[in-house]
Amino acid sequence: MKNLHNFKRGMGIGGWLTNYKRFNVLPLEHRMKITEGDMEHFRTYITERDIEYIASLGMDHIRLGFDQIVIEAEPYTYRKEIVNILNQFVYWCEKYNVRPILNMHKAIGNYCDIPGENGLIQDEELKNRFVELWKMLEQEFSENKDVVFELLNEVVNNDSKGWNSLARHTIDEIRKFNKERIIILGGTEWNNPPGLDHVEIYDDEHIIYTFHCYAPFEFTHQQGVLSWTNLYYNRKMPYPTDDIERYRDFHRLFGDENPYPDITRMDIEFLRNHMAPAKRFRENNPDKILWCGEFGTIRHCNIKYRENWMRDMITILNEWDIPYCVWNYLSTPNDGNKFSLVDDENRIILSEELKKIIQGNL
């Protein structure tokens, strides 16, 4: 692939231009509106110093999530100030030799963590707005070959045919302007590994394929407040552990079928089995690049367990020759799924061991 450098290990930035207005405490009529307080946050939350620090951790790319409602003032009209912020981010990345990835994290009609806030794939107007936004960004960054476009963070449903159609239309429109823009494409089912089985494969060397991993969910999202099941179960979860009953109890509480009938330990072998579709994708498509674009653990999880899980994840990805991007640099104080890897106040990595692990020094 031409122009593909700085794509081995990266870090995501969430909470700056994404994950806005999605809490149930907000009345429905206010969930898609941006206030002056929001704009103040966008102007100040991430600075050049943050990009410099991420680069100092050994990261060679940064995945920046943005929400459609943040960049789109109204249908087909875009906030120039937000576009300028994206340009400033790209400039900082160039300065510190890290590759910028622009990721549509929340599209109107596709909110991966709000039930009912969906319909992108079924709504022609929403699809048109989605495509036009990406065309605008291609024109904005037409002179910068290093900027990577990631079309959509996590497609919520399993309508792979519908998503493949929208993705192809978007890619075709971008290709009218730029034949070599590197574009990242993931699957349905929240971009979990099984979604890779249904992604359309392109005869295009500038397409990268992606998946996410947050398994087991009751560990990575333990006691989180955006998933009512984890909030209700409300137990601290260890990793690795022989206490498999603690994991089974989560599913018993909700009357689910036992997802762990044949294992007695929660450890790296479970993760290998869970991510088997990614390994299969690599084997079936040896000429394609597969990237694990997001994985992590909620901040209040015990730091040693966070390190253990991250170490196992990166061990597997290295074994399978899959580049990766950890989630997340820093979450906003009000983020219900706070996955920060740095301290809120001093913005320094939470442990030296965690730093070594994300660098791939296992």
Protein backbone atom coordinates (compact mmCIF):
# COMPACT_ATOMS: atom_id res chain seq x y z
CA MET A 1 0.00 0.00 0.00
CA LYS A 2 1.33 3.41 -0.94
CA ASN A 3 1.72 6.07 1.73
CA LEU A 4 1.18 3.64 4.61
CA HIS A 5 3.64 4.48 7.32
CA ASN A 6 3.07 5.08 11.02
CA PHE A 7 0.44 2.39 11.37
CA LYS A 8 1.71 -0.10 13.91
CA ARG A 9 0.44 1.07 17.30
CA GLY A 10 -1.82 3.98 18.09
CA MET A 11 -4.10 5.59 20.63
CA GLY A 12 -7.64 6.86 20.29
CA ILE A 13 -8.87 10.26 21.45
CA GLY A 14 -12.46 10.23 22.60
CA GLY A 15 -14.32 12.79 24.69
CA TRP A 16 -13.02 15.77 22.72
CA LEU A 17 -15.27 15.88 19.65
CA THR A 18 -17.32 12.74 20.33
CA ASN A 19 -19.72 11.08 22.77
CA TYR A 20 -21.80 14.21 23.03
CA LYS A 21 -25.42 14.56 24.17
CA ARG A 22 -26.14 10.87 24.59
CA PHE A 23 -27.27 10.63 28.21
CA ASN A 24 -30.82 9.74 29.24
CA VAL A 25 -30.83 12.66 31.68
CA LEU A 26 -31.15 14.95 28.65
CA PRO A 27 -34.66 15.37 27.23
CA LEU A 28 -34.92 13.96 23.72
CA GLU A 29 -35.33 17.38 22.13
CA HIS A 30 -31.94 18.48 23.50
CA ARG A 31 -29.82 15.43 22.64
CA MET A 32 -28.84 16.56 19.16
CA LYS A 33 -27.96 20.17 19.95
CA ILE A 34 -24.57 21.75 20.57
CA THR A 35 -24.33 24.61 23.07
CA GLU A 36 -21.75 27.35 23.59
CA GLY A 37 -20.46 25.35 26.56
CA ASP A 38 -19.81 22.47 24.19
CA MET A 39 -17.93 24.77 21.83
CA GLU A 40 -15.76 26.02 24.70
CA HIS A 41 -14.90 22.39 25.45
CA PHE A 42 -13.99 21.69 21.82
CA ARG A 43 -11.66 24.71 21.75
CA THR A 44 -9.72 23.79 24.87
CA TYR A 45 -9.93 20.12 25.86
CA ILE A 46 -7.07 18.74 23.76
CA THR A 47 -3.98 20.81 23.03
CA GLU A 48 -0.71 20.39 21.19
CA ARG A 49 0.84 19.16 24.41
CA ASP A 50 -1.50 16.13 24.40
CA ILE A 51 -0.48 15.14 20.89
CA GLU A 52 3.18 15.56 21.81
CA TYR A 53 2.69 13.35 24.87
CA ILE A 54 0.90 10.60 22.94
CA ALA A 55 3.78 10.57 20.47
CA SER A 56 6.24 10.36 23.37
CA LEU A 57 4.50 7.16 24.53
CA GLY A 58 5.65 5.48 21.32
CA MET A 59 2.38 5.76 19.46
CA ASP A 60 2.70 6.26 15.71
CA HIS A 61 -0.92 7.08 14.92
CA ILE A 62 -3.84 8.80 16.67
CA ARG A 63 -7.47 7.97 16.02
CA LEU A 64 -9.65 11.02 16.59
CA GLY A 65 -13.36 10.36 16.97
CA PHE A 66 -15.84 13.06 15.99
CA ASP A 67 -19.63 13.15 16.07
CA GLN A 68 -21.74 14.23 13.14
CA ILE A 69 -23.70 16.66 15.33
CA VAL A 70 -20.42 18.32 16.33
CA ILE A 71 -19.24 19.02 12.80
CA GLU A 72 -22.65 19.48 11.13
CA ALA A 73 -24.42 22.70 12.15
CA GLU A 74 -27.46 21.66 10.14
CA PRO A 75 -27.98 19.28 7.21
CA TYR A 76 -25.22 19.86 4.61
CA THR A 77 -23.86 22.86 6.52
CA TYR A 78 -20.69 22.46 8.58
CA ARG A 79 -19.18 24.32 11.49
CA LYS A 80 -16.08 26.02 10.13
CA GLU A 81 -14.61 26.24 13.62
CA ILE A 82 -14.78 22.44 14.03
CA VAL A 83 -13.23 21.90 10.61
CA ASN A 84 -10.45 24.26 11.69
CA ILE A 85 -9.96 22.23 14.87
CA LEU A 86 -9.58 19.09 12.74
CA ASN A 87 -7.00 20.89 10.64
CA GLN A 88 -5.15 21.96 13.79
CA PHE A 89 -5.16 18.35 15.01
CA VAL A 90 -3.74 17.16 11.68
CA TYR A 91 -1.03 19.83 11.84
CA TRP A 92 -0.02 18.71 15.35
CA CYS A 93 0.13 15.11 14.19
CA GLU A 94 2.42 16.08 11.32
CA LYS A 95 4.63 18.04 13.71
CA TYR A 96 5.13 15.03 16.00
CA ASN A 97 5.27 12.43 13.23
CA VAL A 98 2.08 10.56 14.06
CA ARG A 99 -0.51 9.63 11.47
CA PRO A 100 -3.97 11.21 11.96
CA ILE A 101 -7.09 9.06 11.59
CA LEU A 102 -10.43 10.87 11.41
CA ASN A 103 -13.16 8.57 12.68
CA MET A 104 -16.89 9.24 12.40
CA HIS A 105 -17.65 8.03 15.90
CA LYS A 106 -21.33 8.85 16.17
CA ALA A 107 -23.34 9.36 12.98
CA ILE A 108 -26.88 10.65 13.10
CA GLY A 109 -28.90 7.46 12.95
CA ASN A 110 -26.09 5.31 14.35
CA TYR A 111 -25.40 5.73 18.05
CA CYS A 112 -23.79 2.54 19.24
CA ASP A 113 -24.66 3.07 22.91
CA ILE A 114 -28.16 4.59 22.75
CA PRO A 115 -30.97 2.14 22.02
CA GLY A 116 -33.41 3.58 19.52
CA GLU A 117 -31.09 6.27 18.13
CA ASN A 118 -30.61 4.35 14.91
CA GLY A 119 -31.91 4.15 11.37
CA LEU A 120 -29.01 5.47 9.30
CA ILE A 121 -29.00 2.52 6.93
CA GLN A 122 -32.76 2.72 6.38
CA ASP A 123 -33.10 6.49 5.88
CA GLU A 124 -32.16 7.93 2.47
CA GLU A 125 -31.76 11.47 3.78
CA LEU A 126 -29.45 10.39 6.61
CA LYS A 127 -27.40 8.33 4.16
CA ASN A 128 -27.05 11.32 1.84
CA ARG A 129 -25.89 13.53 4.71
CA PHE A 130 -23.36 10.88 5.76
CA VAL A 131 -21.87 10.69 2.26
CA GLU A 132 -21.80 14.45 1.78
CA LEU A 133 -19.96 14.96 5.06
CA TRP A 134 -17.20 12.61 3.93
CA LYS A 135 -17.02 14.34 0.54
CA MET A 136 -16.58 17.65 2.35
CA LEU A 137 -13.74 16.23 4.44
CA GLU A 138 -12.04 14.79 1.35
CA GLN A 139 -12.08 18.19 -0.27
CA GLU A 140 -10.85 19.82 2.95
CA PHE A 141 -7.87 17.46 3.25
CA SER A 142 -7.26 16.90 -0.44
CA GLU A 143 -3.64 18.06 -0.18
CA ASN A 144 -2.82 15.91 2.83
CA LYS A 145 -2.15 12.32 1.84
CA ASP A 146 -1.41 11.11 5.37
CA VAL A 147 -4.90 11.72 6.75
CA VAL A 148 -6.86 8.47 7.05
CA PHE A 149 -10.67 8.32 6.95
CA GLU A 150 -12.52 5.78 9.08
CA LEU A 151 -16.08 5.76 7.78
CA LEU A 152 -17.98 4.76 10.92
CA ASN A 153 -17.05 3.61 14.39
CA GLU A 154 -19.50 0.79 15.18
CA VAL A 155 -22.48 -0.09 12.98
CA VAL A 156 -25.15 -1.09 15.46
CA ASN A 157 -27.24 -3.64 13.61
CA ASN A 158 -26.58 -6.78 11.60
CA ASP A 159 -27.84 -5.44 8.25
CA SER A 160 -24.54 -6.12 6.55
CA LYS A 161 -26.06 -5.77 3.08
CA GLY A 162 -27.35 -2.29 3.88
CA TRP A 163 -24.11 -1.18 5.49
CA ASN A 164 -21.99 -2.59 2.66
CA SER A 165 -24.11 -0.65 0.18
CA LEU A 166 -23.73 2.64 2.07
CA ALA A 167 -20.00 2.07 2.58
CA ARG A 168 -19.48 1.35 -1.11
CA HIS A 169 -21.38 4.45 -2.15
CA THR A 170 -19.32 6.57 0.26
CA ILE A 171 -16.04 5.08 -0.94
CA ASP A 172 -17.05 5.55 -4.58
CA GLU A 173 -17.79 9.23 -3.94
CA ILE A 174 -14.46 9.76 -2.17
CA ARG A 175 -12.66 7.97 -5.02
CA LYS A 176 -14.03 10.52 -7.51
CA PHE A 177 -11.76 13.05 -5.80
CA ASN A 178 -8.93 10.86 -4.50
CA LYS A 179 -7.96 7.40 -5.72
CA GLU A 180 -5.39 6.92 -2.97
CA ARG A 181 -7.10 8.16 0.20
CA ILE A 182 -6.62 5.47 2.83
CA ILE A 183 -10.07 4.48 4.06
CA ILE A 184 -10.86 2.23 7.02
CA LEU A 185 -13.91 0.00 6.91
CA GLY A 186 -15.42 -2.17 9.65
CA GLY A 187 -18.36 -4.52 9.91
CA THR A 188 -21.76 -4.59 11.53
CA GLU A 189 -22.59 -6.01 14.99
CA TRP A 190 -20.85 -3.11 16.75
CA ASN A 191 -17.64 -3.88 14.83
CA ASN A 192 -17.11 -7.02 16.90
CA PRO A 193 -14.96 -9.75 15.27
CA PRO A 194 -17.91 -11.73 13.79
CA GLY A 195 -18.83 -8.68 11.70
CA LEU A 196 -15.70 -9.26 9.62
CA ASP A 197 -17.32 -12.31 8.08
CA HIS A 198 -19.78 -10.05 6.23
CA VAL A 199 -17.63 -7.07 5.21
CA GLU A 200 -17.34 -6.47 1.49
CA ILE A 201 -13.77 -6.98 0.29
CA TYR A 202 -12.50 -4.42 -2.23
CA ASP A 203 -10.01 -4.67 -5.05
CA ASP A 204 -8.49 -1.51 -3.67
CA GLU A 205 -5.10 -1.47 -1.97
CA HIS A 206 -6.02 1.69 -0.08
CA ILE A 207 -8.78 0.07 2.00
CA ILE A 208 -7.96 -1.09 5.53
CA TYR A 209 -10.34 -3.36 7.44
CA THR A 210 -11.01 -3.06 11.15
CA PHE A 211 -12.64 -4.63 14.19
CA HIS A 212 -12.98 -3.90 17.90
CA CYS A 213 -12.76 -6.11 20.97
CA TYR A 214 -14.30 -5.56 24.41
CA ALA A 215 -14.68 -9.16 25.48
CA PRO A 216 -15.67 -10.25 27.97
CA PHE A 217 -18.06 -7.29 28.20
CA GLU A 218 -18.84 -7.88 31.87
CA PHE A 219 -15.14 -7.36 32.59
CA THR A 220 -14.23 -4.46 30.27
CA HIS A 221 -17.39 -2.48 31.13
CA GLN A 222 -17.75 -3.60 34.76
CA GLN A 223 -19.97 -1.36 36.89
CA GLY A 224 -20.40 1.01 33.94
CA VAL A 225 -23.44 3.27 33.90
CA LEU A 226 -24.24 3.34 30.18
CA SER A 227 -25.05 -0.38 30.10
CA TRP A 228 -27.86 -1.11 32.53
CA THR A 229 -26.81 -4.74 32.85
CA ASN A 230 -23.35 -3.87 34.15
CA LEU A 231 -24.79 -1.20 36.40
CA TYR A 232 -27.31 -3.65 37.83
CA TYR A 233 -24.84 -6.53 38.29
CA ASN A 234 -22.44 -4.06 39.93
CA ARG A 235 -19.54 -6.42 40.69
CA LYS A 236 -15.81 -5.96 40.43
CA MET A 237 -14.44 -8.43 37.92
CA PRO A 238 -10.92 -9.92 37.96
CA TYR A 239 -8.78 -10.92 34.98
CA PRO A 240 -7.40 -13.50 34.53
CA THR A 241 -9.27 -15.67 36.99
CA ASP A 242 -10.33 -19.19 37.86
CA ASP A 243 -13.55 -17.74 39.30
CA ILE A 244 -15.56 -18.43 36.16
CA GLU A 245 -18.76 -18.53 38.22
CA ARG A 246 -18.47 -14.79 38.77
CA TYR A 247 -18.71 -14.40 35.00
CA ARG A 248 -21.49 -16.95 34.65
CA ASP A 249 -23.47 -15.23 37.40
CA PHE A 250 -23.68 -12.10 35.26
CA HIS A 251 -25.59 -14.03 32.61
CA ARG A 252 -27.65 -16.03 35.08
CA LEU A 253 -28.94 -12.78 36.55
CA PHE A 254 -30.54 -11.91 33.21
CA GLY A 255 -31.67 -15.41 32.32
CA ASP A 256 -29.16 -15.71 29.49
CA GLU A 257 -27.86 -18.98 28.16
CA ASN A 258 -24.52 -19.85 29.74
CA PRO A 259 -21.87 -18.43 27.35
CA TYR A 260 -19.04 -20.23 29.13
CA PRO A 261 -20.11 -23.89 29.26
CA ASP A 262 -16.74 -25.35 28.33
CA ILE A 263 -14.21 -23.12 30.07
CA THR A 264 -13.08 -23.07 33.68
CA ARG A 265 -10.85 -20.01 33.48
CA MET A 266 -11.17 -16.52 32.02
CA ASP A 267 -7.84 -15.81 30.34
CA ILE A 268 -5.98 -15.31 27.07
CA GLU A 269 -7.41 -18.49 25.53
CA PHE A 270 -10.91 -17.05 25.81
CA LEU A 271 -9.74 -13.94 23.98
CA ARG A 272 -8.11 -16.01 21.25
CA ASN A 273 -11.35 -17.90 20.69
CA HIS A 274 -13.42 -14.72 20.75
CA MET A 275 -11.21 -13.06 18.14
CA ALA A 276 -11.02 -16.12 15.89
CA PRO A 277 -12.91 -14.30 13.07
CA ALA A 278 -10.06 -11.78 12.92
CA LYS A 279 -7.50 -14.54 12.54
CA ARG A 280 -9.68 -16.16 9.88
CA PHE A 281 -9.95 -12.84 8.02
CA ARG A 282 -6.15 -12.53 8.00
CA GLU A 283 -5.77 -16.06 6.68
CA ASN A 284 -8.44 -15.63 4.00
CA ASN A 285 -7.20 -12.20 2.90
CA PRO A 286 -3.41 -12.23 3.25
CA ASP A 287 -3.03 -9.27 0.90
CA LYS A 288 -5.29 -7.03 3.01
CA ILE A 289 -4.45 -5.01 6.11
CA LEU A 290 -6.53 -5.73 9.20
CA TRP A 291 -6.37 -3.26 12.10
CA CYS A 292 -7.79 -3.57 15.62
CA GLY A 293 -9.00 -0.02 15.96
CA GLU A 294 -10.38 -0.07 19.48
CA PHE A 295 -10.02 -2.08 22.69
CA GLY A 296 -9.71 -1.20 26.35
CA THR A 297 -11.13 -1.43 29.85
CA ILE A 298 -13.18 0.93 31.96
CA ARG A 299 -11.11 3.26 34.13
CA HIS A 300 -12.30 2.10 37.57
CA CYS A 301 -11.24 -1.48 36.87
CA ASN A 302 -8.30 -2.54 39.04
CA ILE A 303 -5.12 -1.33 37.32
CA LYS A 304 -3.42 -4.74 37.52
CA TYR A 305 -6.39 -6.39 35.85
CA ARG A 306 -6.39 -3.66 33.20
CA GLU A 307 -2.71 -4.34 32.54
CA ASN A 308 -3.27 -8.11 32.41
CA TRP A 309 -6.10 -7.83 29.88
CA MET A 310 -4.28 -5.28 27.71
CA ARG A 311 -1.14 -7.43 27.75
CA ASP A 312 -3.09 -10.47 26.56
CA MET A 313 -4.85 -8.50 23.84
CA ILE A 314 -1.64 -7.05 22.43
CA THR A 315 0.10 -10.42 22.71
CA ILE A 316 -2.53 -11.94 20.44
CA LEU A 317 -2.52 -9.03 17.99
CA ASN A 318 1.26 -9.23 17.72
CA GLU A 319 1.09 -12.99 17.16
CA TRP A 320 -1.35 -12.45 14.29
CA ASP A 321 0.52 -9.44 12.88
CA ILE A 322 -2.41 -7.07 13.39
CA PRO A 323 -1.64 -3.38 14.06
CA TYR A 324 -3.68 -1.82 16.83
CA CYS A 325 -5.01 1.35 18.42
CA VAL A 326 -5.78 1.38 22.15
CA TRP A 327 -8.81 3.13 23.61
CA ASN A 328 -8.73 5.77 25.09
CA TYR A 329 -6.36 8.63 25.91
CA LEU A 330 -8.72 10.70 28.04
CA SER A 331 -12.46 10.65 28.69
CA THR A 332 -14.52 13.64 29.72
CA PRO A 333 -15.47 13.84 33.41
CA ASN A 334 -19.12 13.09 32.61
CA ASP A 335 -18.45 10.15 30.30
CA GLY A 336 -20.35 7.13 31.59
CA ASN A 337 -17.90 4.79 29.87
CA LYS A 338 -14.66 6.32 31.12
CA PHE A 339 -11.80 4.35 29.55
CA SER A 340 -8.98 6.85 30.16
CA LEU A 341 -5.40 5.58 30.01
CA VAL A 342 -3.99 8.76 31.55
CA ASP A 343 -4.70 10.59 34.79
CA ASP A 344 -7.36 13.28 34.52
CA GLU A 345 -5.30 16.03 36.12
CA ASN A 346 -1.70 15.56 34.99
CA ARG A 347 -2.52 13.57 31.83
CA ILE A 348 0.26 11.07 32.48
CA ILE A 349 -0.09 7.33 31.74
CA LEU A 350 -1.58 5.52 34.72
CA SER A 351 1.33 3.10 35.20
CA GLU A 352 4.74 2.40 33.75
CA GLU A 353 3.69 -1.19 33.12
CA LEU A 354 0.69 -0.02 31.10
CA LYS A 355 3.01 2.21 29.08
CA LYS A 356 5.29 -0.74 28.28
CA ILE A 357 2.34 -2.91 27.31
CA ILE A 358 0.75 -0.46 24.86
CA GLN A 359 4.19 0.04 23.30
CA GLY A 360 4.26 -3.69 22.63
CA ASN A 361 7.03 -4.36 25.16
CA LEU A 362 5.47 -7.48 26.64
